[in-house]
Amino acid sequence: MAERAAQSFGMVLIENRTSASKEYARVFHGDKTTRATLRAEVGTAGAEGSLYLSSAGKLYVKAAAAGADTDWEKVTQTAAD
């Protein structure tokens, strides 16, 4: 697995009760300030429910796993991406 610039400093086990699989939501931090640059940095790492804390004061939550920029939703009230 390639090393990423985003730092993961926490994991929370999220159990999918409809199957035997388990996924881990992660907490990432870095300097990305748009969903596009965030997804480019983090890739597909982390399950839905993962968080990204930007050094610019933005907070994002992973709400889907479609491999699109819109997988990440901004939670904080800052200027539009």
N, C-alpha and C. Protein backbone atom coordinates (compact mmCIF):
# COMPACT_ATOMS: atom_id res chain seq x y z
N MET A 1 0.85 -1.18 0.00
CA MET A 1 0.00 0.00 0.00
C MET A 1 0.89 1.23 0.00
N ALA A 2 0.61 2.16 -0.90
CA ALA A 2 1.42 3.37 -1.01
C ALA A 2 1.21 4.26 0.21
N GLU A 3 2.28 4.88 0.65
CA GLU A 3 2.19 5.80 1.78
C GLU A 3 1.54 7.09 1.31
N ARG A 4 0.68 7.65 2.11
CA ARG A 4 -0.05 8.86 1.74
C ARG A 4 0.40 10.02 2.61
N ALA A 5 0.24 11.23 2.06
CA ALA A 5 0.62 12.42 2.81
C ALA A 5 -0.33 12.68 3.97
N ALA A 6 -1.60 12.32 3.80
CA ALA A 6 -2.57 12.52 4.89
C ALA A 6 -2.20 11.61 6.05
N GLN A 7 -2.34 12.11 7.22
CA GLN A 7 -2.03 11.34 8.41
C GLN A 7 -3.31 10.77 9.00
N SER A 8 -3.31 9.50 9.26
CA SER A 8 -4.43 8.85 9.93
C SER A 8 -4.02 8.68 11.38
N PHE A 9 -4.77 9.29 12.29
CA PHE A 9 -4.37 9.18 13.69
C PHE A 9 -5.46 8.61 14.57
N GLY A 10 -6.38 7.89 13.97
CA GLY A 10 -7.38 7.21 14.78
C GLY A 10 -8.23 6.31 13.91
N MET A 11 -8.74 5.25 14.48
CA MET A 11 -9.65 4.38 13.75
C MET A 11 -10.79 3.98 14.68
N VAL A 12 -11.96 3.86 14.10
CA VAL A 12 -13.14 3.43 14.82
C VAL A 12 -13.72 2.25 14.05
N LEU A 13 -13.96 1.15 14.70
CA LEU A 13 -14.53 -0.01 14.03
C LEU A 13 -16.01 0.22 13.79
N ILE A 14 -16.42 0.11 12.52
CA ILE A 14 -17.83 0.19 12.16
C ILE A 14 -18.21 -1.17 11.62
N GLU A 15 -19.11 -1.83 12.27
CA GLU A 15 -19.51 -3.16 11.85
C GLU A 15 -20.73 -3.06 10.97
N ASN A 16 -20.65 -3.65 9.79
CA ASN A 16 -21.77 -3.70 8.87
C ASN A 16 -22.65 -4.88 9.30
N ARG A 17 -23.80 -4.60 9.84
CA ARG A 17 -24.64 -5.66 10.40
C ARG A 17 -25.37 -6.48 9.34
N THR A 18 -25.29 -6.05 8.07
CA THR A 18 -25.96 -6.82 7.01
C THR A 18 -25.03 -7.83 6.37
N SER A 19 -23.76 -7.83 6.76
CA SER A 19 -22.83 -8.82 6.23
C SER A 19 -21.77 -9.13 7.29
N ALA A 20 -20.89 -10.04 6.96
CA ALA A 20 -19.84 -10.42 7.91
C ALA A 20 -18.64 -9.48 7.82
N SER A 21 -18.68 -8.52 6.90
CA SER A 21 -17.52 -7.64 6.72
C SER A 21 -17.46 -6.57 7.80
N LYS A 22 -16.24 -6.10 8.06
CA LYS A 22 -16.03 -5.00 8.99
C LYS A 22 -15.19 -3.95 8.28
N GLU A 23 -15.53 -2.71 8.47
CA GLU A 23 -14.77 -1.63 7.88
C GLU A 23 -14.33 -0.70 9.00
N TYR A 24 -13.26 0.02 8.78
CA TYR A 24 -12.76 0.95 9.77
C TYR A 24 -12.93 2.39 9.29
N ALA A 25 -13.61 3.18 10.09
CA ALA A 25 -13.67 4.62 9.84
C ALA A 25 -12.39 5.19 10.43
N ARG A 26 -11.81 6.16 9.75
CA ARG A 26 -10.54 6.73 10.20
C ARG A 26 -10.67 8.23 10.37
N VAL A 27 -9.75 8.78 11.11
CA VAL A 27 -9.66 10.23 11.28
C VAL A 27 -8.35 10.66 10.62
N PHE A 28 -8.47 11.48 9.57
CA PHE A 28 -7.31 11.96 8.84
C PHE A 28 -7.12 13.44 9.13
N HIS A 29 -5.91 13.92 8.94
CA HIS A 29 -5.68 15.36 9.01
C HIS A 29 -4.63 15.74 7.98
N GLY A 30 -4.73 16.96 7.51
CA GLY A 30 -3.80 17.45 6.50
C GLY A 30 -4.14 18.88 6.13
N ASP A 31 -3.61 19.34 5.00
CA ASP A 31 -3.81 20.73 4.61
C ASP A 31 -4.76 20.91 3.44
N LYS A 32 -5.47 19.89 3.04
CA LYS A 32 -6.37 19.99 1.89
C LYS A 32 -7.61 20.79 2.25
N THR A 33 -8.12 21.58 1.28
CA THR A 33 -9.24 22.48 1.57
C THR A 33 -10.40 22.33 0.60
N THR A 34 -10.34 21.36 -0.31
CA THR A 34 -11.49 21.08 -1.19
C THR A 34 -11.72 19.57 -1.20
N ARG A 35 -12.92 19.18 -1.57
CA ARG A 35 -13.23 17.75 -1.62
C ARG A 35 -12.38 17.04 -2.68
N ALA A 36 -12.10 17.71 -3.79
CA ALA A 36 -11.30 17.10 -4.85
C ALA A 36 -9.87 16.81 -4.38
N THR A 37 -9.23 17.79 -3.74
CA THR A 37 -7.86 17.57 -3.28
C THR A 37 -7.82 16.61 -2.10
N LEU A 38 -8.85 16.62 -1.29
CA LEU A 38 -8.96 15.68 -0.17
C LEU A 38 -9.04 14.25 -0.69
N ARG A 39 -9.93 14.01 -1.65
CA ARG A 39 -10.08 12.66 -2.19
C ARG A 39 -8.80 12.21 -2.89
N ALA A 40 -8.13 13.14 -3.59
CA ALA A 40 -6.87 12.80 -4.25
C ALA A 40 -5.81 12.37 -3.24
N GLU A 41 -5.82 12.96 -2.06
CA GLU A 41 -4.84 12.63 -1.03
C GLU A 41 -5.19 11.35 -0.29
N VAL A 42 -6.43 11.20 0.12
CA VAL A 42 -6.84 10.07 0.95
C VAL A 42 -7.18 8.84 0.11
N GLY A 43 -7.64 9.05 -1.10
CA GLY A 43 -8.03 7.93 -1.96
C GLY A 43 -9.27 7.24 -1.42
N THR A 44 -9.26 5.93 -1.42
CA THR A 44 -10.41 5.15 -0.95
C THR A 44 -10.26 4.68 0.49
N ALA A 45 -9.22 5.15 1.17
CA ALA A 45 -8.99 4.74 2.56
C ALA A 45 -10.13 5.20 3.46
N GLY A 46 -10.47 4.39 4.42
CA GLY A 46 -11.49 4.76 5.40
C GLY A 46 -12.89 4.44 4.94
N ALA A 47 -13.67 3.96 5.86
CA ALA A 47 -15.07 3.63 5.59
C ALA A 47 -15.94 4.88 5.71
N GLU A 48 -17.20 4.74 5.33
CA GLU A 48 -18.14 5.82 5.56
C GLU A 48 -18.13 6.15 7.04
N GLY A 49 -18.18 7.43 7.36
CA GLY A 49 -18.07 7.87 8.74
C GLY A 49 -16.68 8.38 9.08
N SER A 50 -15.72 8.18 8.16
CA SER A 50 -14.37 8.70 8.38
C SER A 50 -14.40 10.23 8.40
N LEU A 51 -13.45 10.83 9.07
CA LEU A 51 -13.36 12.28 9.18
C LEU A 51 -12.04 12.77 8.62
N TYR A 52 -12.05 13.99 8.06
CA TYR A 52 -10.82 14.66 7.63
C TYR A 52 -10.82 16.04 8.26
N LEU A 53 -9.79 16.32 9.03
CA LEU A 53 -9.63 17.62 9.69
C LEU A 53 -8.56 18.40 8.94
N SER A 54 -8.96 19.51 8.33
CA SER A 54 -8.03 20.32 7.57
C SER A 54 -7.37 21.35 8.47
N SER A 55 -6.09 21.60 8.22
CA SER A 55 -5.38 22.64 8.98
C SER A 55 -5.95 24.02 8.69
N ALA A 56 -6.79 24.13 7.66
CA ALA A 56 -7.45 25.39 7.33
C ALA A 56 -8.76 25.57 8.10
N GLY A 57 -9.08 24.61 8.99
CA GLY A 57 -10.27 24.72 9.81
C GLY A 57 -11.51 24.07 9.24
N LYS A 58 -11.38 23.30 8.18
CA LYS A 58 -12.53 22.61 7.60
C LYS A 58 -12.60 21.18 8.12
N LEU A 59 -13.82 20.69 8.28
CA LEU A 59 -14.06 19.32 8.71
C LEU A 59 -14.94 18.65 7.67
N TYR A 60 -14.52 17.47 7.23
CA TYR A 60 -15.28 16.70 6.24
C TYR A 60 -15.60 15.33 6.82
N VAL A 61 -16.74 14.77 6.42
CA VAL A 61 -17.12 13.41 6.80
C VAL A 61 -17.36 12.62 5.52
N LYS A 62 -16.90 11.37 5.50
CA LYS A 62 -17.11 10.51 4.33
C LYS A 62 -18.50 9.91 4.43
N ALA A 63 -19.36 10.29 3.49
CA ALA A 63 -20.77 9.89 3.54
C ALA A 63 -21.12 8.82 2.50
N ALA A 64 -20.21 8.52 1.60
CA ALA A 64 -20.47 7.52 0.56
C ALA A 64 -19.15 6.90 0.15
N ALA A 65 -19.22 5.86 -0.65
CA ALA A 65 -18.01 5.18 -1.11
C ALA A 65 -18.09 4.92 -2.62
N ALA A 66 -18.45 5.94 -3.38
CA ALA A 66 -18.60 5.81 -4.82
C ALA A 66 -17.32 6.17 -5.57
N GLY A 67 -16.28 6.59 -4.85
CA GLY A 67 -15.04 6.98 -5.50
C GLY A 67 -15.12 8.34 -6.16
N ALA A 68 -16.00 9.20 -5.64
CA ALA A 68 -16.20 10.53 -6.21
C ALA A 68 -15.90 11.60 -5.17
N ASP A 69 -15.65 12.82 -5.65
CA ASP A 69 -15.40 13.93 -4.73
C ASP A 69 -16.57 14.11 -3.76
N THR A 70 -17.78 13.83 -4.24
CA THR A 70 -18.98 14.02 -3.42
C THR A 70 -19.12 12.98 -2.32
N ASP A 71 -18.21 12.00 -2.25
CA ASP A 71 -18.21 11.05 -1.13
C ASP A 71 -17.97 11.80 0.18
N TRP A 72 -17.23 12.91 0.10
CA TRP A 72 -16.87 13.70 1.28
C TRP A 72 -17.78 14.91 1.38
N GLU A 73 -18.41 15.08 2.53
CA GLU A 73 -19.29 16.22 2.77
C GLU A 73 -18.65 17.16 3.78
N LYS A 74 -18.68 18.45 3.46
CA LYS A 74 -18.12 19.44 4.38
C LYS A 74 -19.10 19.66 5.52
N VAL A 75 -18.60 19.65 6.73
CA VAL A 75 -19.41 19.81 7.92
C VAL A 75 -19.34 21.26 8.44
N THR A 76 -18.20 21.89 8.28
CA THR A 76 -18.00 23.24 8.82
C THR A 76 -18.59 24.30 7.89
N GLN A 77 -18.88 25.46 8.46
CA GLN A 77 -19.41 26.58 7.69
C GLN A 77 -18.27 27.50 7.27
N THR A 78 -17.71 27.22 6.10
CA THR A 78 -16.66 28.06 5.53
C THR A 78 -17.01 28.31 4.08
N ALA A 79 -16.16 29.03 3.38
CA ALA A 79 -16.42 29.32 1.97
C ALA A 79 -16.61 28.03 1.17
N ALA A 80 -17.39 28.10 0.12
CA ALA A 80 -17.68 26.92 -0.72
C ALA A 80 -16.41 26.35 -1.31
N ASP A 81 -16.42 25.04 -1.55
CA ASP A 81 -15.29 24.36 -2.19
C ASP A 81 -15.23 24.78 -3.63
